[in-house]
C-alpha atoms as a PDB file:
ATOM      1  CA  UNK A   1     -76.973 197.250-108.645  1.00  0.00           C
ATOM      2  CA  UNK A   2     -73.644 198.674-107.485  1.00  0.00           C
ATOM      3  CA  UNK A   3     -72.939 199.231-103.807  1.00  0.00           C
ATOM      4  CA  UNK A   4     -69.793 201.040-102.685  1.00  0.00           C
ATOM      5  CA  UNK A   5     -68.517 200.690 -99.149  1.00  0.00           C
ATOM      6  CA  UNK A   6     -65.262 201.910 -97.602  1.00  0.00           C
ATOM      7  CA  UNK A   7     -63.161 198.874 -98.692  1.00  0.00           C
ATOM      8  CA  UNK A   8     -65.198 197.205-101.472  1.00  0.00           C
ATOM      9  CA  UNK A   9     -67.448 197.748-104.466  1.00  0.00           C
ATOM     10  CA  UNK A  10     -70.198 195.158-104.901  1.00  0.00           C
ATOM     11  CA  UNK A  11     -71.969 194.619-108.207  1.00  0.00           C
ATOM     12  CA  UNK A  12     -75.151 192.585-107.682  1.00  0.00           C
ATOM     13  CA  UNK A  13     -76.555 190.835-110.761  1.00  0.00           C
ATOM     14  CA  UNK A  14     -79.517 188.579-110.040  1.00  0.00           C
ATOM     15  CA  UNK A  15     -78.469 185.835-107.634  1.00  0.00           C
ATOM     16  CA  UNK A  16     -74.735 186.594-107.574  1.00  0.00           C
ATOM     17  CA  UNK A  17     -72.509 189.448-106.518  1.00  0.00           C
ATOM     18  CA  UNK A  18     -69.065 190.373-107.746  1.00  0.00           C
ATOM     19  CA  UNK A  19     -66.848 192.030-105.142  1.00  0.00           C
ATOM     20  CA  UNK A  20     -63.832 194.212-105.987  1.00  0.00           C
ATOM     21  CA  UNK A  21     -61.522 195.875-103.515  1.00  0.00           C
ATOM     22  CA  UNK A  22     -60.799 199.566-103.240  1.00  0.00           C
ATOM     23  CA  UNK A  23     -57.034 199.855-102.978  1.00  0.00           C
ATOM     24  CA  UNK A  24     -54.192 197.514-103.864  1.00  0.00           C
ATOM     25  CA  UNK A  25     -53.340 196.094-100.441  1.00  0.00           C
ATOM     26  CA  UNK A  26     -55.094 194.382 -97.570  1.00  0.00           C
ATOM     27  CA  UNK A  27     -52.291 194.393 -95.004  1.00  0.00           C
ATOM     28  CA  UNK A  28     -53.702 195.808 -91.781  1.00  0.00           C
ATOM     29  CA  UNK A  29     -55.847 193.710 -89.475  1.00  0.00           C
ATOM     30  CA  UNK A  30     -58.494 196.424 -89.208  1.00  0.00           C
ATOM     31  CA  UNK A  31     -58.839 196.861 -92.974  1.00  0.00           C
ATOM     32  CA  UNK A  32     -59.012 193.092 -93.532  1.00  0.00           C
ATOM     33  CA  UNK A  33     -61.739 192.764 -90.918  1.00  0.00           C
ATOM     34  CA  UNK A  34     -63.605 195.762 -92.332  1.00  0.00           C
ATOM     35  CA  UNK A  35     -63.486 194.390 -95.893  1.00  0.00           C
ATOM     36  CA  UNK A  36     -64.861 191.008 -94.821  1.00  0.00           C
ATOM     37  CA  UNK A  37     -67.569 192.693 -92.730  1.00  0.00           C
ATOM     38  CA  UNK A  38     -68.600 194.692 -95.778  1.00  0.00           C
ATOM     39  CA  UNK A  39     -68.703 191.530 -97.911  1.00  0.00           C
ATOM     40  CA  UNK A  40     -70.816 189.820 -95.240  1.00  0.00           C
ATOM     41  CA  UNK A  41     -73.157 192.801 -95.087  1.00  0.00           C
ATOM     42  CA  UNK A  42     -73.779 192.670 -98.832  1.00  0.00           C
ATOM     43  CA  UNK A  43     -74.156 188.874 -98.891  1.00  0.00           C
ATOM     44  CA  UNK A  44     -76.466 188.645 -95.887  1.00  0.00           C
ATOM     45  CA  UNK A  45     -78.761 191.467 -96.978  1.00  0.00           C
ATOM     46  CA  UNK A  46     -79.467 190.273-100.525  1.00  0.00           C
ATOM     47  CA  UNK A  47     -80.936 187.051-101.893  1.00  0.00           C
ATOM     48  CA  UNK A  48     -77.731 185.608-103.356  1.00  0.00           C
ATOM     49  CA  UNK A  49     -76.474 182.167-104.301  1.00  0.00           C
ATOM     50  CA  UNK A  50     -72.898 183.065-105.269  1.00  0.00           C
ATOM     51  CA  UNK A  51     -70.410 185.586-103.893  1.00  0.00           C
ATOM     52  CA  UNK A  52     -67.477 186.182-106.233  1.00  0.00           C
ATOM     53  CA  UNK A  53     -64.406 187.949-104.901  1.00  0.00           C
ATOM     54  CA  UNK A  54     -62.429 189.449-107.754  1.00  0.00           C
ATOM     55  CA  UNK A  55     -58.827 189.902-106.637  1.00  0.00           C
ATOM     56  CA  UNK A  56     -57.889 191.846-109.792  1.00  0.00           C
ATOM     57  CA  UNK A  57     -55.993 194.944-108.728  1.00  0.00           C
ATOM     58  CA  UNK A  58     -55.183 193.591-105.267  1.00  0.00           C
ATOM     59  CA  UNK A  59     -51.443 193.099-104.935  1.00  0.00           C
ATOM     60  CA  UNK A  60     -50.893 192.390-101.228  1.00  0.00           C
ATOM     61  CA  UNK A  61     -52.997 190.708 -98.594  1.00  0.00           C
ATOM     62  CA  UNK A  62     -52.350 189.580 -95.059  1.00  0.00           C
ATOM     63  CA  UNK A  63     -52.674 186.198 -93.431  1.00  0.00           C
ATOM     64  CA  UNK A  64     -55.414 187.735 -91.265  1.00  0.00           C
ATOM     65  CA  UNK A  65     -57.432 188.428 -94.400  1.00  0.00           C
ATOM     66  CA  UNK A  66     -56.934 184.846 -95.603  1.00  0.00           C
ATOM     67  CA  UNK A  67     -58.129 183.568 -92.237  1.00  0.00           C
ATOM     68  CA  UNK A  68     -61.205 185.776 -92.411  1.00  0.00           C
ATOM     69  CA  UNK A  69     -61.914 184.412 -95.915  1.00  0.00           C
ATOM     70  CA  UNK A  70     -62.066 180.909 -94.459  1.00  0.00           C
ATOM     71  CA  UNK A  71     -64.573 182.087 -91.850  1.00  0.00           C
ATOM     72  CA  UNK A  72     -66.552 183.890 -94.547  1.00  0.00           C
ATOM     73  CA  UNK A  73     -66.668 180.770 -96.724  1.00  0.00           C
ATOM     74  CA  UNK A  74     -67.999 178.702 -93.824  1.00  0.00           C
ATOM     75  CA  UNK A  75     -70.685 181.201 -92.844  1.00  0.00           C
ATOM     76  CA  UNK A  76     -71.835 181.668 -96.451  1.00  0.00           C
ATOM     77  CA  UNK A  77     -71.989 177.906 -96.957  1.00  0.00           C
ATOM     78  CA  UNK A  78     -74.229 177.546 -93.893  1.00  0.00           C
ATOM     79  CA  UNK A  79     -76.606 180.033 -95.534  1.00  0.00           C
ATOM     80  CA  UNK A  80     -76.582 178.144 -98.833  1.00  0.00           C
ATOM     81  CA  UNK A  81     -74.246 180.537-100.653  1.00  0.00           C
ATOM     82  CA  UNK A  82     -71.056 179.676-102.496  1.00  0.00           C
ATOM     83  CA  UNK A  83     -67.874 181.759-102.316  1.00  0.00           C
ATOM     84  CA  UNK A  84     -65.724 181.872-105.464  1.00  0.00           C
ATOM     85  CA  UNK A  85     -62.535 183.756-106.320  1.00  0.00           C
ATOM     86  CA  UNK A  86     -61.121 185.124-109.560  1.00  0.00           C
ATOM     87  CA  UNK A  87     -58.533 187.465-111.005  1.00  0.00           C
ATOM     88  CA  UNK A  88     -55.712 186.479-108.662  1.00  0.00           C
ATOM     89  CA  UNK A  89     -52.151 187.601-109.236  1.00  0.00           C
ATOM     90  CA  UNK A  90     -49.520 184.871-109.039  1.00  0.00           C
ATOM     91  CA  UNK A  91     -48.574 185.994-105.498  1.00  0.00           C
ATOM     92  CA  UNK A  92     -52.145 185.801-104.248  1.00  0.00           C
ATOM     93  CA  UNK A  93     -52.583 182.458-105.983  1.00  0.00           C
ATOM     94  CA  UNK A  94     -49.466 181.182-104.169  1.00  0.00           C
ATOM     95  CA  UNK A  95     -50.850 182.385-100.838  1.00  0.00           C
ATOM     96  CA  UNK A  96     -54.115 180.541-101.576  1.00  0.00           C
ATOM     97  CA  UNK A  97     -52.180 177.339-102.296  1.00  0.00           C
ATOM     98  CA  UNK A  98     -49.979 177.645 -99.217  1.00  0.00           C
ATOM     99  CA  UNK A  99     -53.083 178.040 -97.044  1.00  0.00           C
ATOM    100  CA  UNK A 100     -54.908 175.338 -99.032  1.00  0.00           C
ATOM    101  CA  UNK A 101     -57.726 177.778 -99.746  1.00  0.00           C
ATOM    102  CA  UNK A 102     -58.165 176.448-103.281  1.00  0.00           C
ATOM    103  CA  UNK A 103     -59.771 173.377-101.664  1.00  0.00           C
ATOM    104  CA  UNK A 104     -62.410 175.546 -99.948  1.00  0.00           C
ATOM    105  CA  UNK A 105     -62.868 178.395-102.403  1.00  0.00           C
ATOM    106  CA  UNK A 106     -62.984 177.595-106.119  1.00  0.00           C
ATOM    107  CA  UNK A 107     -60.694 179.927-108.071  1.00  0.00           C
ATOM    108  CA  UNK A 108     -61.174 180.987-111.679  1.00  0.00           C
ATOM    109  CA  UNK A 109     -59.040 183.007-114.062  1.00  0.00           C
ATOM    110  CA  UNK A 110     -61.807 185.451-114.975  1.00  0.00           C
ATOM    111  CA  UNK A 111     -65.001 186.779-113.483  1.00  0.00           C
ATOM    112  CA  UNK A 112     -66.987 185.322-116.386  1.00  0.00           C
ATOM    113  CA  UNK A 113     -65.651 181.841-115.591  1.00  0.00           C
ATOM    114  CA  UNK A 114     -66.442 182.347-111.903  1.00  0.00           C
ATOM    115  CA  UNK A 115     -70.021 183.312-112.753  1.00  0.00           C
ATOM    116  CA  UNK A 116     -70.475 180.125-114.773  1.00  0.00           C
ATOM    117  CA  UNK A 117     -68.874 178.095-111.997  1.00  0.00           C
END
């Protein structure tokens, strides 16, 4: 089932969802907060075990968005869901490493690998 919101497209397949972003940048505080709210809405309203954020196509993101990802990971974990990432450009991968997000959110090269975990 595909769900399109203002900042994301969610593709729900069984007990996991793959999230893609609409647009190539996540720079503004308001758009970062809106995107994470939309991800939360999808995750909280469906019986999911895994939430995969596919960063393919996203070129820029803000530190605010990275901070909100940490909060998202914690809230999903409390509900028994796992947050995974895939499709990161080298710049986004560097940002993940600088913020030590790779220790909290497993990152995979492809969506297929992220699904398998």
